[in-house]
């Protein structure tokens, strides 16, 4: 094991948030602590995916959690709430950085958000190694937005992310596609860029807590996790609706929270489509066990922006995975290379329904699927790349 390091993580998303960046940060920080390192995180009280602050005093042994944002409130408009998050978290970090950077060997900003790190760069001790973890490329999602305001936002995202990335001593991306795109966008030097896929976090223990949500006499098609623009939610609902008419004996489920799921619930009138809140962390393995097919959607043109952090857990489970991604994207190539079922590169509803039928009828080699997942998606490699 490497010499014990004092590590400071900067991200508003953390425990006990159950999904997305919050869950990723929690598992990553826990792994660092488990390897004997002293970990501190500057974060907010949990608020995602509902965008409502919920005060928490929850702790994790071996990790010092410094929370802020207790009195913060967000709007329902996505652009405004992202601006509120960026600026408020920046002020929080400015207040805390002098105290909590003392004695730190490595600071790990998790992007996005980026403005906080952009602002505190002049105040960071020069001896501290800066290792950025890039969870999403915000510029990818902003470049297709239209309108004057969105163009201005896109411009500032480019300026801020470029400075943040260029001022890191090392950058770790969750996919090669993200790394290559960022290198091109920001003219980054290859020597400081690393790629490490997200990691498996599920355990073997399976609960029996959510059986009442499912009809055991029908097959279950499930989307679970954060639901936002990059998952193409309205098109996903349209797919579920059409598939329910064309394929018999199926029920469709959304397990999510937040504004997007509320919108879908309002427009849905199909009795075969069900909406539930996110399951508890300890029920994740049971959810996957009860899912005949789990859907992993990426909106057209966004595959270079992120890699779904839940994918490793899905592939390590005994459930079929239906990936919707861009043609020749990294995930498309990975699935083809390792003969993983199933992937489509089209959001054409007819094609998707046909592919779903194909998945349901085919036997999957889950042992092969798990073997590939455990080979590629390891948290140990993530820790090693941060520390080396």
Protein backbone atom coordinates (compact mmCIF):
# COMPACT_ATOMS: atom_id res chain seq x y z
CA UNK A 1 0.00 0.00 0.00
CA UNK A 2 1.25 3.55 -0.76
CA UNK A 3 2.17 5.95 2.03
CA UNK A 4 -0.84 7.30 3.92
CA UNK A 5 -2.12 10.47 2.25
CA UNK A 6 -4.29 13.32 3.47
CA UNK A 7 -6.94 13.72 0.77
CA UNK A 8 -9.50 16.50 0.31
CA UNK A 9 -12.47 15.85 -2.02
CA UNK A 10 -14.52 18.78 -3.34
CA UNK A 11 -18.04 18.05 -4.59
CA UNK A 12 -21.54 19.06 -3.46
CA UNK A 13 -22.80 15.50 -3.98
CA UNK A 14 -22.19 12.96 -1.21
CA UNK A 15 -23.64 10.47 1.25
CA UNK A 16 -26.47 9.68 1.85
CA UNK A 17 -27.46 10.59 -1.73
CA UNK A 18 -28.45 7.23 -3.25
CA UNK A 19 -27.52 7.67 -6.94
CA UNK A 20 -25.34 9.32 -9.54
CA UNK A 21 -22.33 11.45 -8.50
CA UNK A 22 -23.27 11.33 -4.81
CA UNK A 23 -23.16 7.55 -4.71
CA UNK A 24 -20.00 7.48 -6.84
CA UNK A 25 -18.25 9.94 -4.49
CA UNK A 26 -19.34 8.01 -1.41
CA UNK A 27 -18.05 4.67 -2.68
CA UNK A 28 -14.82 6.24 -3.91
CA UNK A 29 -14.13 8.08 -0.63
CA UNK A 30 -14.90 4.92 1.35
CA UNK A 31 -12.40 2.95 -0.74
CA UNK A 32 -9.70 5.57 -0.12
CA UNK A 33 -10.38 5.44 3.63
CA UNK A 34 -10.40 1.64 3.60
CA UNK A 35 -6.91 1.77 2.08
CA UNK A 36 -5.66 3.72 5.10
CA UNK A 37 -5.82 7.30 3.83
CA UNK A 38 -7.27 10.28 5.70
CA UNK A 39 -10.24 11.59 3.72
CA UNK A 40 -12.13 14.87 4.14
CA UNK A 41 -14.94 15.97 1.85
CA UNK A 42 -16.42 19.45 1.44
CA UNK A 43 -19.99 18.85 0.26
CA UNK A 44 -23.62 19.88 0.64
CA UNK A 45 -26.36 18.29 2.65
CA UNK A 46 -28.08 15.76 0.36
CA UNK A 47 -30.36 17.33 -2.24
CA UNK A 48 -30.19 15.21 -5.42
CA UNK A 49 -32.25 14.11 -7.36
CA UNK A 50 -35.17 16.05 -5.79
CA UNK A 51 -33.21 19.33 -5.67
CA UNK A 52 -34.42 19.90 -2.12
CA UNK A 53 -31.94 20.18 0.75
CA UNK A 54 -32.48 17.53 3.39
CA UNK A 55 -30.31 18.18 6.44
CA UNK A 56 -28.20 15.18 7.36
CA UNK A 57 -25.88 14.32 10.21
CA UNK A 58 -25.11 10.87 8.81
CA UNK A 59 -21.49 9.84 9.13
CA UNK A 60 -19.11 7.32 7.58
CA UNK A 61 -16.36 5.87 9.73
CA UNK A 62 -12.94 7.18 8.72
CA UNK A 63 -14.26 10.10 6.61
CA UNK A 64 -14.61 13.69 7.80
CA UNK A 65 -17.73 15.15 6.18
CA UNK A 66 -18.06 18.95 6.14
CA UNK A 67 -21.52 19.84 4.88
CA UNK A 68 -23.05 23.15 3.80
CA UNK A 69 -26.08 24.49 1.97
CA UNK A 70 -28.47 23.85 4.85
CA UNK A 71 -30.70 26.86 4.06
CA UNK A 72 -30.38 26.68 0.28
CA UNK A 73 -33.40 26.34 -2.00
CA UNK A 74 -33.57 25.60 -5.72
CA UNK A 75 -36.10 26.47 -8.42
CA UNK A 76 -37.78 24.05 -10.82
CA UNK A 77 -36.04 25.63 -13.82
CA UNK A 78 -32.98 23.53 -14.58
CA UNK A 79 -30.74 26.35 -15.83
CA UNK A 80 -31.46 28.59 -12.81
CA UNK A 81 -30.92 25.82 -10.27
CA UNK A 82 -27.58 24.87 -11.86
CA UNK A 83 -26.50 28.51 -11.57
CA UNK A 84 -27.62 28.56 -7.93
CA UNK A 85 -25.64 25.39 -7.29
CA UNK A 86 -22.48 26.67 -9.00
CA UNK A 87 -22.39 30.03 -7.21
CA UNK A 88 -23.55 28.89 -3.76
CA UNK A 89 -21.11 25.98 -3.69
CA UNK A 90 -18.32 28.34 -4.76
CA UNK A 91 -18.99 30.63 -1.79
CA UNK A 92 -19.08 27.59 0.51
CA UNK A 93 -15.69 26.35 -0.73
CA UNK A 94 -14.17 29.84 -0.50
CA UNK A 95 -15.17 29.94 3.18
CA UNK A 96 -13.78 26.48 3.96
CA UNK A 97 -10.70 26.01 1.77
CA UNK A 98 -8.15 27.85 3.95
CA UNK A 99 -8.93 25.67 6.96
CA UNK A 100 -9.31 22.30 5.28
CA UNK A 101 -6.38 22.42 2.86
CA UNK A 102 -3.90 22.46 5.73
CA UNK A 103 -1.72 19.35 5.63
CA UNK A 104 -3.45 18.03 2.49
CA UNK A 105 -1.40 15.99 0.01
CA UNK A 106 -4.02 15.59 -2.74
CA UNK A 107 -7.12 17.64 -3.55
CA UNK A 108 -9.71 15.90 -5.72
CA UNK A 109 -12.31 18.13 -7.35
CA UNK A 110 -15.11 16.06 -8.90
CA UNK A 111 -16.42 17.75 -12.06
CA UNK A 112 -19.11 18.99 -12.49
CA UNK A 113 -19.67 21.47 -10.92
CA UNK A 114 -16.52 23.36 -11.90
CA UNK A 115 -16.90 27.00 -10.86
CA UNK A 116 -15.89 26.40 -7.23
CA UNK A 117 -12.54 24.88 -8.20
CA UNK A 118 -12.08 27.56 -10.88
CA UNK A 119 -12.49 30.25 -8.20
CA UNK A 120 -10.32 28.75 -5.44
CA UNK A 121 -7.37 27.86 -7.70
CA UNK A 122 -5.39 31.00 -6.67
CA UNK A 123 -5.86 30.12 -2.99
CA UNK A 124 -4.69 26.51 -3.14
CA UNK A 125 -1.32 25.67 -1.65
CA UNK A 126 1.09 25.07 -4.54
CA UNK A 127 2.45 21.92 -2.91
CA UNK A 128 -0.93 20.16 -3.06
CA UNK A 129 -1.35 17.76 -5.96
CA UNK A 130 -4.56 18.44 -7.90
CA UNK A 131 -6.23 15.33 -9.32
CA UNK A 132 -9.53 15.98 -11.07
CA UNK A 133 -12.22 13.32 -11.49
CA UNK A 134 -14.44 14.06 -14.50
CA UNK A 135 -17.87 12.52 -14.05
CA UNK A 136 -19.57 14.44 -16.91
CA UNK A 137 -18.48 16.83 -19.64
CA UNK A 138 -20.94 19.68 -19.27
CA UNK A 139 -19.94 21.24 -22.58
CA UNK A 140 -21.26 18.20 -24.47
CA UNK A 141 -24.73 18.70 -23.01
CA UNK A 142 -24.76 22.47 -23.48
CA UNK A 143 -23.54 22.61 -27.09
CA UNK A 144 -26.85 21.42 -28.56
CA UNK A 145 -28.93 23.97 -26.62
CA UNK A 146 -30.42 26.81 -28.66
CA UNK A 147 -31.12 30.42 -27.75
CA UNK A 148 -29.01 33.42 -26.76
CA UNK A 149 -28.86 32.63 -23.03
CA UNK A 150 -27.81 29.03 -23.64
CA UNK A 151 -25.06 30.19 -26.02
CA UNK A 152 -23.70 32.46 -23.26
CA UNK A 153 -23.84 29.59 -20.76
CA UNK A 154 -22.03 27.33 -23.23
CA UNK A 155 -19.28 29.94 -23.66
CA UNK A 156 -18.68 30.24 -19.92
CA UNK A 157 -18.75 26.46 -19.43
CA UNK A 158 -15.96 26.18 -22.00
CA UNK A 159 -13.85 28.88 -20.31
CA UNK A 160 -14.33 27.48 -16.80
CA UNK A 161 -13.83 23.80 -17.62
CA UNK A 162 -10.76 24.59 -19.72
CA UNK A 163 -9.05 26.45 -16.87
CA UNK A 164 -10.01 23.79 -14.30
CA UNK A 165 -8.75 20.89 -16.41
CA UNK A 166 -5.56 22.61 -17.47
CA UNK A 167 -4.69 23.45 -13.86
CA UNK A 168 -5.01 19.88 -12.63
CA UNK A 169 -1.82 17.81 -12.33
CA UNK A 170 -3.83 14.76 -13.38
CA UNK A 171 -7.30 14.18 -14.81
CA UNK A 172 -9.19 10.90 -14.58
CA UNK A 173 -12.10 10.39 -16.99
CA UNK A 174 -14.74 7.68 -16.71
CA UNK A 175 -14.36 6.77 -20.38
CA UNK A 176 -11.83 7.10 -23.19
CA UNK A 177 -14.47 8.84 -25.27
CA UNK A 178 -14.77 11.57 -22.61
CA UNK A 179 -10.97 11.87 -22.37
CA UNK A 180 -10.51 12.22 -26.13
CA UNK A 181 -13.29 14.80 -26.38
CA UNK A 182 -11.89 16.87 -23.50
CA UNK A 183 -8.36 16.68 -24.92
CA UNK A 184 -9.65 18.08 -28.21
CA UNK A 185 -11.89 20.75 -26.66
CA UNK A 186 -9.34 22.10 -24.19
CA UNK A 187 -6.01 21.26 -25.84
CA UNK A 188 -4.89 19.08 -22.91
CA UNK A 189 -1.58 17.24 -22.75
CA UNK A 190 -1.91 13.45 -23.01
CA UNK A 191 0.64 12.80 -20.23
CA UNK A 192 -1.67 13.92 -17.44
CA UNK A 193 -4.83 12.20 -18.72
CA UNK A 194 -6.07 8.85 -17.39
CA UNK A 195 -9.11 6.72 -18.10
CA UNK A 196 -10.82 4.54 -15.52
CA UNK A 197 -14.32 3.16 -15.86
CA UNK A 198 -16.71 3.46 -12.90
CA UNK A 199 -16.75 0.53 -10.53
CA UNK A 200 -18.94 -2.27 -9.18
CA UNK A 201 -20.42 -1.52 -5.76
CA UNK A 202 -23.23 -4.06 -5.27
CA UNK A 203 -22.97 -6.84 -2.70
CA UNK A 204 -24.18 -10.45 -2.77
CA UNK A 205 -26.82 -9.87 -0.09
CA UNK A 206 -30.32 -9.69 -1.60
CA UNK A 207 -33.26 -8.35 0.44
CA UNK A 208 -36.95 -9.25 0.18
CA UNK A 209 -38.41 -5.77 0.73
CA UNK A 210 -39.87 -4.62 -2.60
CA UNK A 211 -41.64 -7.71 -3.94
CA UNK A 212 -45.06 -6.02 -3.54
CA UNK A 213 -44.12 -3.52 -6.26
CA UNK A 214 -43.91 -6.22 -8.93
CA UNK A 215 -46.32 -8.69 -10.52
CA UNK A 216 -44.52 -12.04 -10.49
CA UNK A 217 -46.74 -13.30 -13.32
CA UNK A 218 -45.53 -10.59 -15.71
CA UNK A 219 -42.07 -9.58 -16.92
CA UNK A 220 -40.61 -6.32 -15.64
CA UNK A 221 -38.87 -3.74 -17.85
CA UNK A 222 -37.15 -1.21 -15.60
CA UNK A 223 -35.45 2.15 -15.74
CA UNK A 224 -33.85 3.06 -12.39
CA UNK A 225 -31.67 5.96 -11.32
CA UNK A 226 -31.30 9.65 -12.05
CA UNK A 227 -33.52 10.86 -14.88
CA UNK A 228 -32.56 13.98 -16.79
CA UNK A 229 -32.12 15.34 -20.28
CA UNK A 230 -29.21 13.01 -21.10
CA UNK A 231 -31.51 9.98 -20.58
CA UNK A 232 -34.07 11.33 -23.11
CA UNK A 233 -37.01 10.82 -20.68
CA UNK A 234 -39.99 11.67 -22.92
CA UNK A 235 -38.70 9.41 -25.70
CA UNK A 236 -38.12 6.68 -23.10
CA UNK A 237 -41.75 6.96 -21.97
CA UNK A 238 -42.87 6.81 -25.60
CA UNK A 239 -40.84 3.62 -26.05
CA UNK A 240 -42.40 2.04 -22.93
CA UNK A 241 -45.87 3.01 -24.12
CA UNK A 242 -45.39 1.52 -27.60
CA UNK A 243 -43.71 -1.64 -26.32
CA UNK A 244 -46.61 -2.25 -23.93
CA UNK A 245 -48.96 -2.37 -26.94
CA UNK A 246 -46.78 -4.60 -29.10
CA UNK A 247 -45.41 -7.14 -26.57
CA UNK A 248 -47.69 -9.11 -24.25
CA UNK A 249 -47.28 -9.76 -20.53
CA UNK A 250 -44.96 -6.82 -19.73
CA UNK A 251 -45.01 -4.18 -17.02
CA UNK A 252 -42.80 -1.08 -17.24
CA UNK A 253 -41.27 0.71 -14.26
CA UNK A 254 -39.53 4.00 -13.51
CA UNK A 255 -37.64 4.11 -10.20
CA UNK A 256 -36.53 7.72 -9.87
CA UNK A 257 -37.15 11.10 -8.24
CA UNK A 258 -37.03 14.71 -9.35
CA UNK A 259 -38.71 17.09 -11.76
CA UNK A 260 -38.40 14.94 -14.90
CA UNK A 261 -40.18 12.00 -13.32
CA UNK A 262 -42.98 14.31 -12.17
CA UNK A 263 -43.45 15.50 -15.76
CA UNK A 264 -43.67 11.92 -17.06
CA UNK A 265 -46.21 10.95 -14.40
CA UNK A 266 -48.44 13.84 -15.46
CA UNK A 267 -48.51 12.89 -19.13
CA UNK A 268 -48.71 9.12 -18.67
CA UNK A 269 -52.08 7.38 -18.97
CA UNK A 270 -50.87 3.83 -19.54
CA UNK A 271 -51.84 1.43 -16.69
CA UNK A 272 -48.89 -0.82 -17.56
CA UNK A 273 -46.35 1.91 -16.73
CA UNK A 274 -45.58 2.40 -13.02
CA UNK A 275 -43.68 5.11 -11.18
CA UNK A 276 -41.84 4.62 -7.89
CA UNK A 277 -39.27 6.50 -5.85
CA UNK A 278 -35.67 5.37 -5.84
CA UNK A 279 -35.17 2.21 -3.82
CA UNK A 280 -33.00 2.27 -0.72
CA UNK A 281 -29.35 1.47 -1.24
CA UNK A 282 -29.71 -1.88 0.52
CA UNK A 283 -32.52 -2.88 -1.89
CA UNK A 284 -30.54 -2.26 -5.08
CA UNK A 285 -29.53 -5.90 -5.54
CA UNK A 286 -33.16 -6.98 -5.09
CA UNK A 287 -34.33 -4.43 -7.67
CA UNK A 288 -31.88 -5.82 -10.23
CA UNK A 289 -32.92 -9.39 -9.40
CA UNK A 290 -36.59 -8.54 -10.00
CA UNK A 291 -35.83 -6.72 -13.28
CA UNK A 292 -36.11 -8.89 -16.37
CA UNK A 293 -34.55 -6.07 -18.41
CA UNK A 294 -32.86 -2.88 -17.19
CA UNK A 295 -32.77 0.02 -19.65
CA UNK A 296 -29.62 2.18 -19.93
CA UNK A 297 -30.42 5.11 -22.26
CA UNK A 298 -28.11 7.80 -23.65
CA UNK A 299 -29.65 10.62 -25.67
CA UNK A 300 -28.43 11.00 -29.24
CA UNK A 301 -25.11 12.80 -29.50
CA UNK A 302 -24.29 12.66 -25.76
CA UNK A 303 -22.28 9.45 -25.34
CA UNK A 304 -18.99 11.38 -25.12
CA UNK A 305 -20.36 13.40 -22.20
CA UNK A 306 -20.54 10.67 -19.59
CA UNK A 307 -20.60 6.95 -18.90
CA UNK A 308 -23.53 5.64 -16.79
CA UNK A 309 -22.05 4.82 -13.38
CA UNK A 310 -24.75 2.20 -12.71
CA UNK A 311 -23.70 0.10 -15.73
CA UNK A 312 -21.02 -1.91 -13.86
CA UNK A 313 -23.55 -2.95 -11.21
CA UNK A 314 -26.09 -3.97 -13.82
CA UNK A 315 -23.59 -6.11 -15.72
CA UNK A 316 -22.52 -7.73 -12.44
CA UNK A 317 -26.14 -8.72 -11.73
CA UNK A 318 -28.36 -11.46 -13.11
CA UNK A 319 -30.46 -9.11 -15.21
CA UNK A 320 -30.53 -8.37 -18.92
CA UNK A 321 -29.18 -4.95 -19.94
CA UNK A 322 -30.60 -2.99 -22.87
CA UNK A 323 -28.18 -0.20 -23.80
CA UNK A 324 -29.29 2.67 -26.05
CA UNK A 325 -26.26 4.66 -27.20
CA UNK A 326 -24.63 6.43 -30.15
CA UNK A 327 -23.30 4.38 -33.06
CA UNK A 328 -19.58 3.63 -32.57
CA UNK A 329 -19.62 5.15 -29.09
CA UNK A 330 -17.23 3.67 -26.56
CA UNK A 331 -19.99 1.64 -24.93
CA UNK A 332 -21.19 0.40 -28.32
CA UNK A 333 -17.69 -0.84 -29.11
CA UNK A 334 -17.24 -2.31 -25.62
CA UNK A 335 -20.48 -4.31 -25.85
CA UNK A 336 -19.55 -5.60 -29.31
CA UNK A 337 -15.97 -6.48 -28.31
CA UNK A 338 -17.02 -8.51 -25.28
CA UNK A 339 -20.16 -10.00 -26.88
CA UNK A 340 -22.49 -8.42 -24.33
CA UNK A 341 -26.23 -8.41 -25.03
CA UNK A 342 -27.92 -6.07 -26.04
CA UNK A 343 -27.26 -2.68 -27.59
CA UNK A 344 -29.09 -0.48 -30.07
CA UNK A 345 -27.79 2.70 -31.69
CA UNK A 346 -31.21 3.98 -32.75
CA UNK A 347 -33.96 5.87 -30.92
CA UNK A 348 -36.41 4.76 -33.59
CA UNK A 349 -39.29 3.41 -31.50
CA UNK A 350 -40.13 0.54 -33.87
CA UNK A 351 -36.51 -0.64 -33.87
CA UNK A 352 -36.32 -0.39 -30.08
CA UNK A 353 -39.47 -2.46 -29.58
CA UNK A 354 -38.12 -5.11 -31.94
CA UNK A 355 -34.80 -5.19 -30.06
CA UNK A 356 -36.58 -5.49 -26.70
CA UNK A 357 -38.53 -8.48 -28.01
CA UNK A 358 -35.24 -10.02 -29.10
CA UNK A 359 -33.69 -9.51 -25.66
CA UNK A 360 -36.66 -11.07 -23.89
CA UNK A 361 -36.53 -14.17 -26.07
CA UNK A 362 -32.80 -14.79 -25.86
CA UNK A 363 -30.97 -16.63 -23.09
CA UNK A 364 -28.11 -14.58 -21.66
CA UNK A 365 -24.83 -15.98 -20.37
CA UNK A 366 -24.79 -14.16 -17.04
CA UNK A 367 -21.52 -15.80 -15.99
CA UNK A 368 -19.80 -14.24 -19.01
CA UNK A 369 -21.48 -10.90 -18.31
CA UNK A 370 -20.27 -10.90 -14.68
CA UNK A 371 -16.76 -11.96 -15.67
CA UNK A 372 -16.40 -9.03 -18.06
CA UNK A 373 -17.83 -6.60 -15.49
CA UNK A 374 -15.41 -7.70 -12.76
CA UNK A 375 -12.48 -7.49 -15.16
CA UNK A 376 -13.19 -3.96 -16.40
CA UNK A 377 -14.98 -2.11 -13.60
CA UNK A 378 -12.76 -2.19 -10.50
CA UNK A 379 -12.55 0.40 -7.74
CA UNK A 380 -8.98 -0.67 -6.90
CA UNK A 381 -7.75 0.66 -10.24
CA UNK A 382 -9.52 3.97 -9.63
CA UNK A 383 -7.80 4.33 -6.24
CA UNK A 384 -4.41 3.37 -7.70
CA UNK A 385 -4.66 5.94 -10.48
CA UNK A 386 -5.54 8.72 -8.05
CA UNK A 387 -2.62 7.92 -5.76
CA UNK A 388 0.18 7.21 -8.24
